[in-house]
Amino acid sequence: MIVNKFTATFSNDKKTTSSKALLKYINKSAPKGYKYELLYPESHTYSLRKDKDDSTTFLIRLDFPMTFEGINVKNPQDLLELSYKVQKPIILDQTLQKGKNGQPPTLFSLTGEISKQSIVPSPFPKLKPLKVQWGNKSLDVPFKRIPFPSLSESRFESVGDSILDISLSINETTDETQIKTNINFNYLKTIDDYFKFRDFLENYSKGKVSLFSGHIKLKTEDDSEKKKVFKENDKLYSALHLIGKRLDSTIPFPQKITERDINKIKILFESYINNRIVKFKSQPNLKFTFNDNSNFSQIAPTLGKKNVGILVPLQKEIEFLTLSLQVIENQLYTNTTVKEIDLQNNTLVLEPNELDESFVYYQDPADSKEITFNDMLTKTTDAIDLDAVDFSILK
């Protein structure tokens, strides 16, 4: 399984010829049964090899037991195996290679210059993608082996961009396999991306996804919670999908979402998809600044009057999920007091009382139909409370 490579660097690159006389002289110091041979053509260095061995080999000295990458190693086979598993070279002890207690050196250089010697493991082979399956469908996940310091355990993980993160551990002593998986939501850039993988994500949440031709199910103890989270999130993503179609716009996938974003999406969904107004709690004091296109002048005569109904249409830009959208925000207050009107600055201050009900409805500025007070009042009959919006579509 392991192919070892010998790496050495020499400072002198002048060509050298190896004569029989020179070899005979050098081999006087070789022990019985061994000989020195030129390490590679045109080098200055000779390596100690077994006599009558024509293969390209060389001798090294290792002192066991030894510690390599924090693991106590007792034999060459385990050392080479561990070097391969951690993908790190074995740096040879130069004192041992030079020879001690009368031992000849494993390398002999005519220049006397020998760099550090190391045994470099062959790289891990490239693996085929791991096939994830559910029903009659499948998904290929790029996969690789990762370095891990253990003589009994090998580890693998998914690599690159993929909807599924996988880590796999195989104990070669006990034949035990441990698998951890997680959805990589960063892979999804838009709501459209979510719907490309929706079937897979739903089956994953139900524990119906498997590996190795169905032999291993990706099922964990929190499958029930996964189902619940998927169901709730899927409602939101489905709502955003419908809103995106309605606006003819690409909606980014919400990697992070705030309560303010959720509230705006709820109102957008009810206004643009269900054509329904949303009820919300009024604040103690409300201040509005109208633009030139508003019906501010129609509200002016109500100054000081109590328990009146007021429609406040504001053309504004709302922001959610990094998007900016122009809307007409129609706000209806059914039982309020006009506390202050500034005709010069087009500013209105309302003071809702305890009986006041407040409603909001988003309108597309491209819609030529103007929403009137009576239109909004009629819609209050079927209004939905903001907290009750669950992104269900009205039939």
Protein backbone atom coordinates (compact mmCIF):
# COMPACT_ATOMS: atom_id res chain seq x y z
CA MET A 1 0.00 0.00 0.00
CA ILE A 2 2.95 2.26 0.70
CA VAL A 3 5.53 3.43 -1.84
CA ASN A 4 8.47 5.09 -0.12
CA LYS A 5 10.56 7.77 -1.75
CA PHE A 6 14.02 8.87 -0.71
CA THR A 7 14.69 12.61 -0.76
CA ALA A 8 18.16 14.10 -0.53
CA THR A 9 19.68 17.43 -1.58
CA PHE A 10 23.27 17.91 -2.55
CA SER A 11 25.13 21.18 -2.88
CA ASN A 12 27.51 20.15 -5.66
CA ASP A 13 26.06 19.42 -9.11
CA LYS A 14 29.28 18.74 -11.03
CA LYS A 15 29.34 15.51 -12.99
CA THR A 16 31.19 12.60 -11.38
CA THR A 17 32.40 9.39 -12.94
CA SER A 18 32.56 6.24 -10.85
CA SER A 19 35.68 4.19 -11.60
CA LYS A 20 36.19 0.61 -10.51
CA ALA A 21 39.29 1.64 -8.59
CA LEU A 22 37.38 4.29 -6.69
CA LEU A 23 34.54 1.89 -5.89
CA LYS A 24 37.07 -0.74 -4.70
CA TYR A 25 38.65 1.82 -2.41
CA ILE A 26 35.32 3.04 -1.02
CA ASN A 27 34.05 -0.51 -0.46
CA LYS A 28 36.97 -1.34 1.81
CA SER A 29 34.94 0.28 4.58
CA ALA A 30 31.73 -1.61 3.70
CA PRO A 31 30.75 -4.44 6.10
CA LYS A 32 30.63 -8.04 4.93
CA GLY A 33 27.67 -8.72 2.66
CA TYR A 34 27.27 -5.02 1.75
CA LYS A 35 28.68 -2.65 -0.81
CA TYR A 36 28.57 1.02 -1.73
CA GLU A 37 26.97 1.98 -5.04
CA LEU A 38 26.47 5.37 -6.67
CA LEU A 39 23.20 6.77 -5.30
CA TYR A 40 22.15 8.00 -8.73
CA PRO A 41 24.05 8.71 -11.97
CA GLU A 42 26.37 11.71 -12.00
CA SER A 43 26.20 12.22 -8.22
CA HIS A 44 29.01 12.46 -5.65
CA THR A 45 27.23 10.24 -3.16
CA TYR A 46 27.34 6.48 -2.63
CA SER A 47 24.74 4.49 -0.71
CA LEU A 48 25.27 1.32 1.29
CA ARG A 49 23.37 -1.61 -0.16
CA LYS A 50 23.19 -5.38 0.22
CA ASP A 51 25.68 -7.22 -1.97
CA LYS A 52 24.31 -9.05 -5.02
CA ASP A 53 21.21 -6.84 -5.01
CA ASP A 54 20.70 -5.11 -8.36
CA SER A 55 17.50 -3.32 -7.33
CA THR A 56 17.57 0.38 -6.59
CA THR A 57 17.62 0.17 -2.79
CA PHE A 58 19.45 1.85 0.02
CA LEU A 59 19.96 1.17 3.69
CA ILE A 60 18.89 3.35 6.59
CA ARG A 61 19.20 2.94 10.34
CA LEU A 62 16.30 3.41 12.73
CA ASP A 63 16.35 3.14 16.50
CA PHE A 64 13.24 1.49 18.00
CA PRO A 65 11.10 2.07 19.96
CA MET A 66 10.66 5.65 18.83
CA THR A 67 7.98 8.35 19.01
CA PHE A 68 6.55 9.67 15.75
CA GLU A 69 3.68 12.19 15.70
CA GLY A 70 3.02 11.49 19.38
CA ILE A 71 2.70 7.70 18.91
CA ASN A 72 5.12 5.10 20.25
CA VAL A 73 6.31 2.99 17.30
CA LYS A 74 8.12 -0.32 17.74
CA ASN A 75 8.94 -1.51 14.20
CA PRO A 76 9.66 -0.18 10.67
CA GLN A 77 6.33 -1.38 9.27
CA ASP A 78 4.32 0.66 11.78
CA LEU A 79 6.58 3.67 11.25
CA LEU A 80 6.05 3.64 7.49
CA GLU A 81 2.33 3.07 7.95
CA LEU A 82 2.05 5.98 10.38
CA SER A 83 4.07 8.25 8.09
CA TYR A 84 1.59 7.46 5.33
CA LYS A 85 -1.43 8.03 7.56
CA VAL A 86 -0.25 11.46 8.73
CA GLN A 87 1.26 12.35 5.33
CA LYS A 88 4.50 13.55 6.90
CA PRO A 89 8.07 12.51 6.08
CA ILE A 90 10.26 10.52 8.43
CA ILE A 91 13.32 12.68 9.14
CA LEU A 92 16.22 10.28 9.68
CA ASP A 93 18.57 10.58 12.62
CA GLN A 94 21.79 11.86 11.03
CA THR A 95 23.96 10.43 13.82
CA LEU A 96 22.68 6.92 13.11
CA GLN A 97 23.19 7.35 9.36
CA LYS A 98 26.76 8.56 9.78
CA GLY A 99 27.50 5.44 11.82
CA LYS A 100 28.53 5.04 15.45
CA ASN A 101 30.26 2.39 17.50
CA GLY A 102 32.30 1.39 14.46
CA GLN A 103 29.35 1.17 12.05
CA PRO A 104 29.97 2.40 8.48
CA PRO A 105 27.91 5.35 7.20
CA THR A 106 24.81 4.53 5.13
CA LEU A 107 25.79 7.34 2.72
CA PHE A 108 29.30 8.26 1.65
CA SER A 109 29.98 11.53 -0.20
CA LEU A 110 33.15 12.45 -2.04
CA THR A 111 32.50 16.09 -1.13
CA GLY A 112 31.66 15.28 2.48
CA GLU A 113 28.37 17.16 2.18
CA ILE A 114 25.18 15.22 2.81
CA SER A 115 21.92 16.98 3.50
CA LYS A 116 19.20 15.80 5.85
CA GLN A 117 17.69 12.52 4.72
CA SER A 118 13.99 11.73 4.86
CA ILE A 119 11.50 9.11 3.75
CA VAL A 120 8.52 10.75 2.10
CA PRO A 121 5.22 8.84 1.98
CA SER A 122 3.22 8.60 -1.23
CA PRO A 123 0.19 10.92 -1.28
CA PHE A 124 -3.30 9.64 -0.59
CA PRO A 125 -5.02 8.48 -3.78
CA LYS A 126 -7.86 10.57 -5.13
CA LEU A 127 -11.18 9.03 -4.10
CA LYS A 128 -14.36 8.76 -6.07
CA PRO A 129 -17.28 10.88 -4.84
CA LEU A 130 -19.36 9.32 -2.09
CA LYS A 131 -22.85 8.47 -3.35
CA VAL A 132 -25.70 9.53 -1.07
CA GLN A 133 -29.03 7.87 -1.88
CA TRP A 134 -32.73 8.25 -1.04
CA GLY A 135 -35.52 6.47 -2.87
CA ASN A 136 -34.45 6.16 -6.49
CA LYS A 137 -32.39 9.38 -6.35
CA SER A 138 -28.75 9.99 -5.49
CA LEU A 139 -26.26 12.77 -4.86
CA ASP A 140 -22.48 12.62 -5.31
CA VAL A 141 -20.45 14.23 -2.53
CA PRO A 142 -16.72 14.92 -3.21
CA PHE A 143 -14.67 12.94 -0.71
CA LYS A 144 -11.08 12.66 0.48
CA ARG A 145 -8.93 10.94 3.06
CA ILE A 146 -7.45 13.25 5.68
CA PRO A 147 -4.21 12.80 7.68
CA PHE A 148 -4.82 11.34 11.15
CA PRO A 149 -2.21 10.09 13.68
CA SER A 150 -3.39 6.55 14.44
CA LEU A 151 -2.26 3.07 13.51
CA SER A 152 -5.78 1.68 13.85
CA GLU A 153 -8.03 4.49 12.62
CA SER A 154 -8.46 6.17 9.24
CA ARG A 155 -10.53 9.29 8.63
CA PHE A 156 -12.29 10.73 5.60
CA GLU A 157 -14.32 13.87 4.97
CA SER A 158 -16.25 15.66 2.26
CA VAL A 159 -14.31 18.29 0.38
CA GLY A 160 -15.22 21.45 -1.51
CA ASP A 161 -18.67 22.92 -1.95
CA SER A 162 -21.46 20.45 -1.31
CA ILE A 163 -24.89 20.56 0.31
CA LEU A 164 -23.84 17.76 2.70
CA ASP A 165 -20.81 17.72 5.02
CA ILE A 166 -19.63 14.20 5.87
CA SER A 167 -16.93 12.93 8.20
CA LEU A 168 -16.20 9.22 8.39
CA SER A 169 -13.96 7.26 10.77
CA ILE A 170 -12.99 3.62 10.23
CA ASN A 171 -11.39 1.55 12.99
CA GLU A 172 -9.40 -1.11 11.18
CA THR A 173 -9.00 -3.18 14.36
CA THR A 174 -12.66 -3.42 15.36
CA ASP A 175 -14.20 -2.79 11.89
CA GLU A 176 -16.32 -0.09 13.52
CA THR A 177 -17.40 2.83 11.33
CA GLN A 178 -18.57 6.19 12.66
CA ILE A 179 -20.31 8.70 10.38
CA LYS A 180 -21.21 12.31 11.11
CA THR A 181 -23.22 14.41 8.68
CA ASN A 182 -24.47 17.95 8.61
CA ILE A 183 -26.25 20.14 6.08
CA ASN A 184 -24.02 22.86 4.63
CA PHE A 185 -26.52 25.67 4.19
CA ASN A 186 -23.72 28.00 3.06
CA TYR A 187 -23.83 26.06 -0.20
CA LEU A 188 -27.25 27.59 -0.91
CA LYS A 189 -27.01 31.09 -2.37
CA THR A 190 -30.63 31.70 -3.40
CA ILE A 191 -34.08 30.40 -2.53
CA ASP A 192 -34.08 28.73 -5.96
CA ASP A 193 -31.01 26.75 -4.82
CA TYR A 194 -32.96 25.51 -1.81
CA PHE A 195 -35.69 24.11 -4.03
CA LYS A 196 -33.12 22.28 -6.14
CA PHE A 197 -32.24 20.26 -3.02
CA ARG A 198 -35.59 20.38 -1.23
CA ASP A 199 -36.41 16.71 -1.85
CA PHE A 200 -33.02 15.65 -0.50
CA LEU A 201 -33.31 17.93 2.55
CA GLU A 202 -36.77 16.63 3.38
CA ASN A 203 -35.65 13.01 3.18
CA TYR A 204 -32.54 13.82 5.21
CA SER A 205 -34.74 15.32 7.95
CA LYS A 206 -36.77 12.09 7.99
CA GLY A 207 -33.71 9.84 8.24
CA LYS A 208 -34.30 8.34 4.80
CA VAL A 209 -30.91 9.13 3.27
CA SER A 210 -28.33 6.33 3.11
CA LEU A 211 -24.73 5.58 2.14
CA PHE A 212 -23.02 2.58 0.55
CA SER A 213 -25.99 1.33 -1.48
CA GLY A 214 -28.42 1.66 1.42
CA HIS A 215 -26.36 -0.23 3.99
CA ILE A 216 -25.95 2.79 6.31
CA LYS A 217 -28.83 5.16 7.10
CA LEU A 218 -27.96 8.73 8.03
CA LYS A 219 -30.25 8.59 11.05
CA THR A 220 -29.51 10.28 14.37
CA GLU A 221 -31.27 10.63 17.71
CA ASP A 222 -32.53 14.12 16.86
CA ASP A 223 -34.46 13.08 13.74
CA SER A 224 -37.74 14.27 15.30
CA GLU A 225 -36.27 17.72 15.88
CA LYS A 226 -34.88 17.75 12.33
CA LYS A 227 -38.36 17.07 10.97
CA LYS A 228 -39.81 19.92 13.00
CA VAL A 229 -37.10 22.38 11.96
CA PHE A 230 -37.41 21.38 8.31
CA LYS A 231 -41.20 21.84 8.37
CA GLU A 232 -41.00 25.31 9.92
CA ASN A 233 -38.16 26.52 7.73
CA ASP A 234 -39.75 25.07 4.62
CA LYS A 235 -42.81 27.26 5.17
CA LEU A 236 -40.63 30.37 5.26
CA TYR A 237 -38.58 29.33 2.20
CA SER A 238 -41.77 28.49 0.28
CA ALA A 239 -43.17 31.92 1.13
CA LEU A 240 -39.98 33.58 -0.10
CA HIS A 241 -40.16 31.50 -3.27
CA LEU A 242 -43.68 32.78 -3.98
CA ILE A 243 -42.67 36.36 -3.18
CA GLY A 244 -39.68 36.06 -5.52
CA LYS A 245 -41.97 34.92 -8.36
CA ARG A 246 -44.43 37.71 -7.61
CA LEU A 247 -41.64 40.30 -7.72
CA ASP A 248 -39.86 38.55 -10.61
CA SER A 249 -36.74 38.76 -8.47
CA THR A 250 -34.09 36.37 -7.11
CA ILE A 251 -34.39 36.09 -3.34
CA PRO A 252 -31.12 35.30 -1.50
CA PHE A 253 -31.12 32.28 0.77
CA PRO A 254 -31.36 33.55 4.38
CA GLN A 255 -28.15 32.41 6.06
CA LYS A 256 -29.03 34.73 8.93
CA ILE A 257 -32.46 36.16 9.55
CA THR A 258 -33.69 38.66 12.14
CA GLU A 259 -37.13 39.04 13.72
CA ARG A 260 -37.49 42.31 11.80
CA ASP A 261 -36.84 40.44 8.55
CA ILE A 262 -39.44 37.83 9.50
CA ASN A 263 -42.07 40.50 10.20
CA LYS A 264 -41.49 42.21 6.87
CA ILE A 265 -41.68 38.88 5.05
CA LYS A 266 -44.94 38.08 6.86
CA ILE A 267 -46.52 41.35 5.72
CA LEU A 268 -45.18 40.91 2.17
CA PHE A 269 -46.55 37.38 2.03
CA GLU A 270 -50.01 38.33 3.31
CA SER A 271 -50.20 41.45 1.11
CA TYR A 272 -48.73 40.09 -2.14
CA ILE A 273 -49.77 36.41 -1.96
CA ASN A 274 -52.93 36.26 0.22
CA ASN A 275 -54.15 39.82 -0.41
CA ARG A 276 -54.84 40.10 3.32
CA ILE A 277 -53.98 42.85 5.78
CA VAL A 278 -52.01 42.22 8.97
CA LYS A 279 -52.98 43.37 12.44
CA PHE A 280 -50.26 44.57 14.79
CA LYS A 281 -49.91 46.33 18.12
CA SER A 282 -49.90 50.13 18.12
CA GLN A 283 -47.17 52.07 19.84
CA PRO A 284 -47.98 54.88 22.33
CA ASN A 285 -46.94 57.65 19.93
CA LEU A 286 -46.63 57.41 16.16
CA LYS A 287 -44.93 59.98 13.98
CA PHE A 288 -45.13 59.96 10.17
CA THR A 289 -43.53 62.17 7.54
CA PHE A 290 -45.41 62.15 4.24
CA ASN A 291 -44.00 62.51 0.76
CA ASP A 292 -45.45 64.76 -1.91
CA ASN A 293 -47.61 61.98 -3.34
CA SER A 294 -49.49 61.27 -0.12
CA ASN A 295 -53.01 62.28 0.84
CA PHE A 296 -51.68 64.21 3.79
CA SER A 297 -54.04 67.14 3.12
CA GLN A 298 -57.08 64.87 3.63
CA ILE A 299 -55.96 64.07 7.17
CA ALA A 300 -55.34 67.68 8.21
CA PRO A 301 -59.02 68.48 9.10
CA THR A 302 -59.01 65.71 11.74
CA LEU A 303 -56.54 67.53 14.02
CA GLY A 304 -57.57 67.21 17.66
CA LYS A 305 -60.38 64.81 16.96
CA LYS A 306 -60.52 61.66 19.07
CA ASN A 307 -61.55 58.12 18.22
CA VAL A 308 -61.15 58.63 14.48
CA GLY A 309 -60.04 56.26 11.78
CA ILE A 310 -56.90 57.28 9.88
CA LEU A 311 -55.29 55.73 6.80
CA VAL A 312 -51.58 56.56 6.51
CA PRO A 313 -50.15 55.61 3.10
CA LEU A 314 -46.36 55.95 2.93
CA GLN A 315 -44.19 55.26 -0.07
CA LYS A 316 -41.04 53.75 1.39
CA GLU A 317 -38.15 51.40 0.84
CA ILE A 318 -38.12 48.27 2.98
CA GLU A 319 -35.02 46.11 3.43
CA PHE A 320 -34.85 42.40 4.18
CA LEU A 321 -32.31 39.67 3.46
CA THR A 322 -29.94 42.23 1.83
CA LEU A 323 -32.75 43.22 -0.59
CA SER A 324 -34.31 46.66 -0.97
CA LEU A 325 -37.89 46.90 -2.18
CA GLN A 326 -40.07 49.92 -2.94
CA VAL A 327 -43.60 49.57 -1.52
CA ILE A 328 -46.56 51.70 -0.52
CA GLU A 329 -47.09 50.88 3.13
CA ASN A 330 -50.76 51.47 3.98
CA GLN A 331 -51.29 51.77 7.74
CA LEU A 332 -54.80 51.91 9.14
CA TYR A 333 -55.59 53.15 12.67
CA THR A 334 -59.27 52.64 13.53
CA ASN A 335 -59.58 54.40 16.88
CA THR A 336 -56.91 57.05 17.34
CA THR A 337 -56.34 60.75 18.05
CA VAL A 338 -54.59 63.16 15.69
CA LYS A 339 -52.28 64.84 18.16
CA GLU A 340 -50.14 67.02 15.87
CA ILE A 341 -50.03 68.11 12.22
CA ASP A 342 -47.15 70.03 10.68
CA LEU A 343 -48.37 71.25 7.28
CA GLN A 344 -45.02 72.81 6.42
CA ASN A 345 -43.02 69.65 6.99
CA ASN A 346 -45.82 67.17 6.14
CA THR A 347 -45.53 65.56 9.55
CA LEU A 348 -48.30 63.75 11.42
CA VAL A 349 -48.30 62.55 15.05
CA LEU A 350 -50.96 60.07 16.24
CA GLU A 351 -51.79 59.02 19.77
CA PRO A 352 -53.55 55.66 19.70
CA ASN A 353 -55.78 54.77 22.64
CA GLU A 354 -56.30 51.41 24.29
CA LEU A 355 -59.12 50.49 21.91
CA ASP A 356 -57.12 51.29 18.78
CA GLU A 357 -56.51 48.53 16.26
CA SER A 358 -53.66 48.96 13.78
CA PHE A 359 -53.37 47.29 10.40
CA VAL A 360 -50.77 47.28 7.61
CA TYR A 361 -50.87 46.32 3.96
CA TYR A 362 -48.04 46.55 1.41
CA GLN A 363 -48.93 47.68 -2.08
CA ASP A 364 -46.81 47.50 -5.21
CA PRO A 365 -46.06 51.10 -6.35
CA ALA A 366 -46.67 49.89 -9.92
CA ASP A 367 -50.28 49.14 -8.96
CA SER A 368 -52.37 52.00 -10.35
CA LYS A 369 -55.30 51.32 -8.00
CA GLU A 370 -55.24 53.55 -4.92
CA ILE A 371 -56.09 51.87 -1.63
CA THR A 372 -58.79 53.89 0.17
CA PHE A 373 -59.78 54.06 3.82
CA ASN A 374 -62.92 52.05 3.07
CA ASP A 375 -60.85 49.44 1.17
CA MET A 376 -58.67 48.94 4.20
CA LEU A 377 -61.63 48.98 6.58
CA THR A 378 -63.31 46.23 4.56
CA LYS A 379 -60.16 44.11 4.71
CA THR A 380 -60.06 44.29 8.53
CA THR A 381 -62.82 41.66 8.61
CA ASP A 382 -60.36 38.98 7.42
CA ALA A 383 -57.21 40.48 8.94
CA ILE A 384 -54.63 38.17 10.50
CA ASP A 385 -52.59 38.95 13.59
CA LEU A 386 -48.87 39.37 12.87
CA ASP A 387 -47.93 36.59 15.31
CA ALA A 388 -50.44 34.23 13.68
CA VAL A 389 -48.91 34.43 10.20
CA ASP A 390 -47.52 30.97 9.40
CA PHE A 391 -47.10 31.40 5.62
CA SER A 392 -50.12 29.27 4.78
CA ILE A 393 -51.67 30.05 1.40
CA LEU A 394 -55.33 31.01 1.35
CA LYS A 395 -57.35 28.77 -0.97
